[in-house]
Amino acid sequence: MAVVWAEGPNNELELTGEVSGSWRLGRTGGTAVRVTADGVDFCRRLSGRPPDTGVSLEAGDAEVLGPVEALQVLF
């Protein structure tokens, strides 16, 4: 995820539910984008399994959702 968001304005990721927390990624200025997702569903998405819910853009540029939704991590 840091590769997707590391070279630009700060972006916030907030995970909710049983697996929750918030992270700020990026290098410059204030927060440009705030994304919220259910923590378990986000982990399912990262592993390549279909999530039950989507990723929500709370504020900022909608173009950032494409790379976030396309992320996959080998667990």
PDB file of N, CA and C in Angstrom:
ATOM      1  N   MET A   1       0.819  -1.186   0.000  1.00  0.00           N
ATOM      2  CA  MET A   1       0.000   0.000   0.000  1.00  0.00           C
ATOM      3  C   MET A   1       0.857   1.240   0.000  1.00  0.00           C
ATOM      4  N   ALA A   2       1.939   1.194   0.734  1.00  0.00           N
ATOM      5  CA  ALA A   2       2.790   2.373   0.804  1.00  0.00           C
ATOM      6  C   ALA A   2       3.332   2.729  -0.570  1.00  0.00           C
ATOM      7  N   VAL A   3       3.564   1.725  -1.443  1.00  0.00           N
ATOM      8  CA  VAL A   3       4.059   1.994  -2.784  1.00  0.00           C
ATOM      9  C   VAL A   3       3.022   2.783  -3.571  1.00  0.00           C
ATOM     10  N   VAL A   4       1.747   2.446  -3.404  1.00  0.00           N
ATOM     11  CA  VAL A   4       0.677   3.134  -4.116  1.00  0.00           C
ATOM     12  C   VAL A   4       0.562   4.581  -3.655  1.00  0.00           C
ATOM     13  N   TRP A   5       0.704   4.822  -2.356  1.00  0.00           N
ATOM     14  CA  TRP A   5       0.446   6.142  -1.801  1.00  0.00           C
ATOM     15  C   TRP A   5       1.687   6.894  -1.345  1.00  0.00           C
ATOM     16  N   ALA A   6       2.870   6.322  -1.457  1.00  0.00           N
ATOM     17  CA  ALA A   6       4.058   6.910  -0.830  1.00  0.00           C
ATOM     18  C   ALA A   6       4.530   8.205  -1.466  1.00  0.00           C
ATOM     19  N   GLU A   7       4.354   8.378  -2.722  1.00  0.00           N
ATOM     20  CA  GLU A   7       4.954   9.508  -3.425  1.00  0.00           C
ATOM     21  C   GLU A   7       3.982  10.640  -3.692  1.00  0.00           C
ATOM     22  N   GLY A   8       3.117  10.954  -2.820  1.00  0.00           N
ATOM     23  CA  GLY A   8       2.193  12.040  -3.092  1.00  0.00           C
ATOM     24  C   GLY A   8       1.710  12.662  -1.813  1.00  0.00           C
ATOM     25  N   PRO A   9       0.562  13.310  -1.893  1.00  0.00           N
ATOM     26  CA  PRO A   9       0.007  13.933  -0.698  1.00  0.00           C
ATOM     27  C   PRO A   9      -0.408  12.879   0.318  1.00  0.00           C
ATOM     28  N   ASN A  10      -0.549  13.281   1.553  1.00  0.00           N
ATOM     29  CA  ASN A  10      -0.966  12.353   2.609  1.00  0.00           C
ATOM     30  C   ASN A  10      -2.353  11.797   2.324  1.00  0.00           C
ATOM     31  N   ASN A  11      -2.499  10.508   2.566  1.00  0.00           N
ATOM     32  CA  ASN A  11      -3.772   9.822   2.417  1.00  0.00           C
ATOM     33  C   ASN A  11      -4.035   9.050   3.693  1.00  0.00           C
ATOM     34  N   GLU A  12      -5.276   9.026   4.115  1.00  0.00           N
ATOM     35  CA  GLU A  12      -5.642   8.312   5.337  1.00  0.00           C
ATOM     36  C   GLU A  12      -6.443   7.075   5.001  1.00  0.00           C
ATOM     37  N   LEU A  13      -6.095   5.967   5.634  1.00  0.00           N
ATOM     38  CA  LEU A  13      -6.838   4.716   5.526  1.00  0.00           C
ATOM     39  C   LEU A  13      -7.371   4.393   6.907  1.00  0.00           C
ATOM     40  N   GLU A  14      -8.682   4.247   7.022  1.00  0.00           N
ATOM     41  CA  GLU A  14      -9.291   3.869   8.298  1.00  0.00           C
ATOM     42  C   GLU A  14     -10.000   2.540   8.128  1.00  0.00           C
ATOM     43  N   LEU A  15      -9.599   1.556   8.939  1.00  0.00           N
ATOM     44  CA  LEU A  15     -10.264   0.254   8.945  1.00  0.00           C
ATOM     45  C   LEU A  15     -11.179   0.203  10.152  1.00  0.00           C
ATOM     46  N   THR A  16     -12.377  -0.313   9.954  1.00  0.00           N
ATOM     47  CA  THR A  16     -13.384  -0.368  11.010  1.00  0.00           C
ATOM     48  C   THR A  16     -13.720  -1.815  11.333  1.00  0.00           C
ATOM     49  N   GLY A  17     -14.476  -2.037  12.390  1.00  0.00           N
ATOM     50  CA  GLY A  17     -14.918  -3.377  12.764  1.00  0.00           C
ATOM     51  C   GLY A  17     -13.935  -4.061  13.690  1.00  0.00           C
ATOM     52  N   GLU A  18     -13.898  -5.406  13.618  1.00  0.00           N
ATOM     53  CA  GLU A  18     -13.055  -6.200  14.516  1.00  0.00           C
ATOM     54  C   GLU A  18     -11.564  -5.933  14.307  1.00  0.00           C
ATOM     55  N   VAL A  19     -11.172  -5.677  13.084  1.00  0.00           N
ATOM     56  CA  VAL A  19      -9.776  -5.355  12.756  1.00  0.00           C
ATOM     57  C   VAL A  19      -9.767  -3.881  12.380  1.00  0.00           C
ATOM     58  N   SER A  20      -9.404  -3.025  13.325  1.00  0.00           N
ATOM     59  CA  SER A  20      -9.534  -1.602  13.058  1.00  0.00           C
ATOM     60  C   SER A  20      -8.238  -0.853  13.340  1.00  0.00           C
ATOM     61  N   GLY A  21      -8.165   0.320  12.797  1.00  0.00           N
ATOM     62  CA  GLY A  21      -7.017   1.196  12.992  1.00  0.00           C
ATOM     63  C   GLY A  21      -7.021   2.250  11.907  1.00  0.00           C
ATOM     64  N   SER A  22      -6.105   3.191  12.014  1.00  0.00           N
ATOM     65  CA  SER A  22      -6.005   4.207  10.964  1.00  0.00           C
ATOM     66  C   SER A  22      -4.538   4.481  10.676  1.00  0.00           C
ATOM     67  N   TRP A  23      -4.258   4.773   9.414  1.00  0.00           N
ATOM     68  CA  TRP A  23      -2.899   5.001   8.951  1.00  0.00           C
ATOM     69  C   TRP A  23      -2.873   6.205   8.028  1.00  0.00           C
ATOM     70  N   ARG A  24      -1.788   6.922   8.063  1.00  0.00           N
ATOM     71  CA  ARG A  24      -1.560   8.037   7.154  1.00  0.00           C
ATOM     72  C   ARG A  24      -0.335   7.684   6.311  1.00  0.00           C
ATOM     73  N   LEU A  25      -0.510   7.711   4.999  1.00  0.00           N
ATOM     74  CA  LEU A  25       0.553   7.386   4.059  1.00  0.00           C
ATOM     75  C   LEU A  25       0.763   8.560   3.125  1.00  0.00           C
ATOM     76  N   GLY A  26       1.973   8.829   2.757  1.00  0.00           N
ATOM     77  CA  GLY A  26       2.284   9.920   1.844  1.00  0.00           C
ATOM     78  C   GLY A  26       3.390  10.780   2.395  1.00  0.00           C
ATOM     79  N   ARG A  27       3.755  11.803   1.626  1.00  0.00           N
ATOM     80  CA  ARG A  27       4.909  12.602   2.005  1.00  0.00           C
ATOM     81  C   ARG A  27       4.649  14.092   2.115  1.00  0.00           C
ATOM     82  N   THR A  28       3.617  14.616   1.505  1.00  0.00           N
ATOM     83  CA  THR A  28       3.504  16.070   1.432  1.00  0.00           C
ATOM     84  C   THR A  28       2.157  16.588   1.913  1.00  0.00           C
ATOM     85  N   GLY A  29       2.174  17.766   2.513  1.00  0.00           N
ATOM     86  CA  GLY A  29       0.969  18.530   2.806  1.00  0.00           C
ATOM     87  C   GLY A  29      -0.044  17.861   3.704  1.00  0.00           C
ATOM     88  N   GLY A  30      -1.242  18.406   3.670  1.00  0.00           N
ATOM     89  CA  GLY A  30      -2.343  17.885   4.470  1.00  0.00           C
ATOM     90  C   GLY A  30      -2.950  16.654   3.828  1.00  0.00           C
ATOM     91  N   THR A  31      -4.024  16.178   4.402  1.00  0.00           N
ATOM     92  CA  THR A  31      -4.684  14.974   3.908  1.00  0.00           C
ATOM     93  C   THR A  31      -5.427  15.262   2.615  1.00  0.00           C
ATOM     94  N   ALA A  32      -5.106  14.508   1.561  1.00  0.00           N
ATOM     95  CA  ALA A  32      -5.752  14.675   0.268  1.00  0.00           C
ATOM     96  C   ALA A  32      -6.926  13.721   0.103  1.00  0.00           C
ATOM     97  N   VAL A  33      -6.819  12.525   0.693  1.00  0.00           N
ATOM     98  CA  VAL A  33      -7.843  11.494   0.515  1.00  0.00           C
ATOM     99  C   VAL A  33      -8.036  10.751   1.828  1.00  0.00           C
ATOM    100  N   ARG A  34      -9.283  10.429   2.141  1.00  0.00           N
ATOM    101  CA  ARG A  34      -9.596   9.603   3.310  1.00  0.00           C
ATOM    102  C   ARG A  34     -10.446   8.427   2.828  1.00  0.00           C
ATOM    103  N   VAL A  35      -9.938   7.214   3.056  1.00  0.00           N
ATOM    104  CA  VAL A  35     -10.602   5.988   2.611  1.00  0.00           C
ATOM    105  C   VAL A  35     -10.973   5.174   3.848  1.00  0.00           C
ATOM    106  N   THR A  36     -12.196   4.627   3.860  1.00  0.00           N
ATOM    107  CA  THR A  36     -12.675   3.809   4.969  1.00  0.00           C
ATOM    108  C   THR A  36     -13.127   2.450   4.437  1.00  0.00           C
ATOM    109  N   ALA A  37     -12.801   1.389   5.189  1.00  0.00           N
ATOM    110  CA  ALA A  37     -13.226   0.039   4.812  1.00  0.00           C
ATOM    111  C   ALA A  37     -13.343  -0.813   6.066  1.00  0.00           C
ATOM    112  N   ASP A  38     -14.171  -1.842   6.006  1.00  0.00           N
ATOM    113  CA  ASP A  38     -14.228  -2.831   7.071  1.00  0.00           C
ATOM    114  C   ASP A  38     -12.888  -3.570   7.068  1.00  0.00           C
ATOM    115  N   GLY A  39     -12.257  -3.715   8.235  1.00  0.00           N
ATOM    116  CA  GLY A  39     -10.926  -4.302   8.323  1.00  0.00           C
ATOM    117  C   GLY A  39     -10.838  -5.720   7.780  1.00  0.00           C
ATOM    118  N   VAL A  40     -11.786  -6.577   8.132  1.00  0.00           N
ATOM    119  CA  VAL A  40     -11.766  -7.970   7.664  1.00  0.00           C
ATOM    120  C   VAL A  40     -11.965  -8.010   6.155  1.00  0.00           C
ATOM    121  N   ASP A  41     -12.903  -7.231   5.650  1.00  0.00           N
ATOM    122  CA  ASP A  41     -13.140  -7.209   4.208  1.00  0.00           C
ATOM    123  C   ASP A  41     -11.938  -6.651   3.449  1.00  0.00           C
ATOM    124  N   PHE A  42     -11.274  -5.667   4.036  1.00  0.00           N
ATOM    125  CA  PHE A  42     -10.090  -5.099   3.379  1.00  0.00           C
ATOM    126  C   PHE A  42      -8.989  -6.158   3.291  1.00  0.00           C
ATOM    127  N   CYS A  43      -8.806  -6.932   4.355  1.00  0.00           N
ATOM    128  CA  CYS A  43      -7.815  -8.022   4.325  1.00  0.00           C
ATOM    129  C   CYS A  43      -8.203  -9.087   3.307  1.00  0.00           C
ATOM    130  N   ARG A  44      -9.491  -9.387   3.203  1.00  0.00           N
ATOM    131  CA  ARG A  44      -9.954 -10.338   2.182  1.00  0.00           C
ATOM    132  C   ARG A  44      -9.632  -9.808   0.787  1.00  0.00           C
ATOM    133  N   ARG A  45      -9.871  -8.527   0.569  1.00  0.00           N
ATOM    134  CA  ARG A  45      -9.583  -7.903  -0.723  1.00  0.00           C
ATOM    135  C   ARG A  45      -8.081  -7.997  -1.021  1.00  0.00           C
ATOM    136  N   LEU A  46      -7.244  -7.680  -0.026  1.00  0.00           N
ATOM    137  CA  LEU A  46      -5.792  -7.722  -0.219  1.00  0.00           C
ATOM    138  C   LEU A  46      -5.300  -9.123  -0.576  1.00  0.00           C
ATOM    139  N   SER A  47      -5.961 -10.148  -0.022  1.00  0.00           N
ATOM    140  CA  SER A  47      -5.534 -11.521  -0.277  1.00  0.00           C
ATOM    141  C   SER A  47      -6.068 -12.071  -1.595  1.00  0.00           C
ATOM    142  N   GLY A  48      -6.895 -11.293  -2.291  1.00  0.00           N
ATOM    143  CA  GLY A  48      -7.433 -11.725  -3.576  1.00  0.00           C
ATOM    144  C   GLY A  48      -8.787 -12.391  -3.480  1.00  0.00           C
ATOM    145  N   ARG A  49      -9.328 -12.529  -2.269  1.00  0.00           N
ATOM    146  CA  ARG A  49     -10.665 -13.110  -2.104  1.00  0.00           C
ATOM    147  C   ARG A  49     -11.714 -12.010  -2.223  1.00  0.00           C
ATOM    148  N   PRO A  50     -12.909 -12.365  -2.671  1.00  0.00           N
ATOM    149  CA  PRO A  50     -13.938 -11.328  -2.811  1.00  0.00           C
ATOM    150  C   PRO A  50     -14.390 -10.806  -1.444  1.00  0.00           C
ATOM    151  N   PRO A  51     -14.414  -9.503  -1.277  1.00  0.00           N
ATOM    152  CA  PRO A  51     -14.893  -8.919  -0.018  1.00  0.00           C
ATOM    153  C   PRO A  51     -16.413  -8.868   0.005  1.00  0.00           C
ATOM    154  N   ASP A  52     -16.981  -8.729   1.197  1.00  0.00           N
ATOM    155  CA  ASP A  52     -18.423  -8.585   1.334  1.00  0.00           C
ATOM    156  C   ASP A  52     -18.863  -7.136   1.110  1.00  0.00           C
ATOM    157  N   THR A  53     -17.962  -6.189   1.367  1.00  0.00           N
ATOM    158  CA  THR A  53     -18.279  -4.773   1.202  1.00  0.00           C
ATOM    159  C   THR A  53     -17.169  -4.088   0.428  1.00  0.00           C
ATOM    160  N   GLY A  54     -17.431  -2.883  -0.003  1.00  0.00           N
ATOM    161  CA  GLY A  54     -16.445  -2.144  -0.781  1.00  0.00           C
ATOM    162  C   GLY A  54     -15.609  -1.201   0.061  1.00  0.00           C
ATOM    163  N   VAL A  55     -14.737  -0.500  -0.616  1.00  0.00           N
ATOM    164  CA  VAL A  55     -13.919   0.536  -0.015  1.00  0.00           C
ATOM    165  C   VAL A  55     -14.647   1.843  -0.246  1.00  0.00           C
ATOM    166  N   SER A  56     -14.784   2.666   0.776  1.00  0.00           N
ATOM    167  CA  SER A  56     -15.512   3.922   0.661  1.00  0.00           C
ATOM    168  C   SER A  56     -14.567   5.110   0.678  1.00  0.00           C
ATOM    169  N   LEU A  57     -14.801   6.024  -0.235  1.00  0.00           N
ATOM    170  CA  LEU A  57     -14.060   7.273  -0.253  1.00  0.00           C
ATOM    171  C   LEU A  57     -14.816   8.272   0.618  1.00  0.00           C
ATOM    172  N   GLU A  58     -14.214   8.680   1.717  1.00  0.00           N
ATOM    173  CA  GLU A  58     -14.859   9.614   2.637  1.00  0.00           C
ATOM    174  C   GLU A  58     -14.633  11.057   2.213  1.00  0.00           C
ATOM    175  N   ALA A  59     -13.471  11.344   1.647  1.00  0.00           N
ATOM    176  CA  ALA A  59     -13.151  12.694   1.201  1.00  0.00           C
ATOM    177  C   ALA A  59     -12.004  12.623   0.212  1.00  0.00           C
ATOM    178  N   GLY A  60     -11.995  13.520  -0.749  1.00  0.00           N
ATOM    179  CA  GLY A  60     -10.864  13.625  -1.655  1.00  0.00           C
ATOM    180  C   GLY A  60     -11.141  13.123  -3.057  1.00  0.00           C
ATOM    181  N   ASP A  61     -10.083  12.790  -3.781  1.00  0.00           N
ATOM    182  CA  ASP A  61     -10.103  12.448  -5.195  1.00  0.00           C
ATOM    183  C   ASP A  61     -10.485  10.986  -5.410  1.00  0.00           C
ATOM    184  N   ALA A  62     -11.544  10.745  -6.149  1.00  0.00           N
ATOM    185  CA  ALA A  62     -12.031   9.386  -6.393  1.00  0.00           C
ATOM    186  C   ALA A  62     -11.049   8.533  -7.196  1.00  0.00           C
ATOM    187  N   GLU A  63     -10.117   9.149  -7.921  1.00  0.00           N
ATOM    188  CA  GLU A  63      -9.155   8.382  -8.717  1.00  0.00           C
ATOM    189  C   GLU A  63      -8.265   7.494  -7.860  1.00  0.00           C
ATOM    190  N   VAL A  64      -8.125   7.807  -6.588  1.00  0.00           N
ATOM    191  CA  VAL A  64      -7.249   7.014  -5.717  1.00  0.00           C
ATOM    192  C   VAL A  64      -7.866   5.653  -5.392  1.00  0.00           C
ATOM    193  N   LEU A  65      -9.181   5.499  -5.528  1.00  0.00           N
ATOM    194  CA  LEU A  65      -9.820   4.225  -5.195  1.00  0.00           C
ATOM    195  C   LEU A  65      -9.400   3.092  -6.114  1.00  0.00           C
ATOM    196  N   GLY A  66      -9.169   3.369  -7.377  1.00  0.00           N
ATOM    197  CA  GLY A  66      -8.768   2.318  -8.317  1.00  0.00           C
ATOM    198  C   GLY A  66      -7.530   1.572  -7.859  1.00  0.00           C
ATOM    199  N   PRO A  67      -6.413   2.287  -7.602  1.00  0.00           N
ATOM    200  CA  PRO A  67      -5.218   1.587  -7.118  1.00  0.00           C
ATOM    201  C   PRO A  67      -5.422   0.894  -5.780  1.00  0.00           C
ATOM    202  N   VAL A  68      -6.217   1.470  -4.895  1.00  0.00           N
ATOM    203  CA  VAL A  68      -6.458   0.860  -3.583  1.00  0.00           C
ATOM    204  C   VAL A  68      -7.252  -0.430  -3.751  1.00  0.00           C
ATOM    205  N   GLU A  69      -8.287  -0.402  -4.571  1.00  0.00           N
ATOM    206  CA  GLU A  69      -9.094  -1.596  -4.779  1.00  0.00           C
ATOM    207  C   GLU A  69      -8.334  -2.680  -5.537  1.00  0.00           C
ATOM    208  N   ALA A  70      -7.324  -2.314  -6.299  1.00  0.00           N
ATOM    209  CA  ALA A  70      -6.546  -3.288  -7.073  1.00  0.00           C
ATOM    210  C   ALA A  70      -5.387  -3.902  -6.274  1.00  0.00           C
ATOM    211  N   LEU A  71      -5.108  -3.394  -5.088  1.00  0.00           N
ATOM    212  CA  LEU A  71      -3.985  -3.909  -4.292  1.00  0.00           C
ATOM    213  C   LEU A  71      -4.166  -5.376  -3.953  1.00  0.00           C
ATOM    214  N   GLN A  72      -3.081  -6.131  -4.009  1.00  0.00           N
ATOM    215  CA  GLN A  72      -3.078  -7.509  -3.530  1.00  0.00           C
ATOM    216  C   GLN A  72      -1.749  -7.773  -2.836  1.00  0.00           C
ATOM    217  N   VAL A  73      -1.807  -8.496  -1.736  1.00  0.00           N
ATOM    218  CA  VAL A  73      -0.626  -8.828  -0.948  1.00  0.00           C
ATOM    219  C   VAL A  73      -0.626 -10.339  -0.735  1.00  0.00           C
ATOM    220  N   LEU A  74       0.516 -10.960  -0.909  1.00  0.00           N
ATOM    221  CA  LEU A  74       0.616 -12.394  -0.625  1.00  0.00           C
ATOM    222  C   LEU A  74       0.779 -12.593   0.866  1.00  0.00           C
ATOM    223  N   PHE A  75      -0.136 -13.322   1.459  1.00  0.00           N
ATOM    224  CA  PHE A  75      -0.078 -13.581   2.903  1.00  0.00           C
ATOM    225  C   PHE A  75       0.587 -14.912   3.149  1.00  0.00           C
TER     226      PHE A  75
END
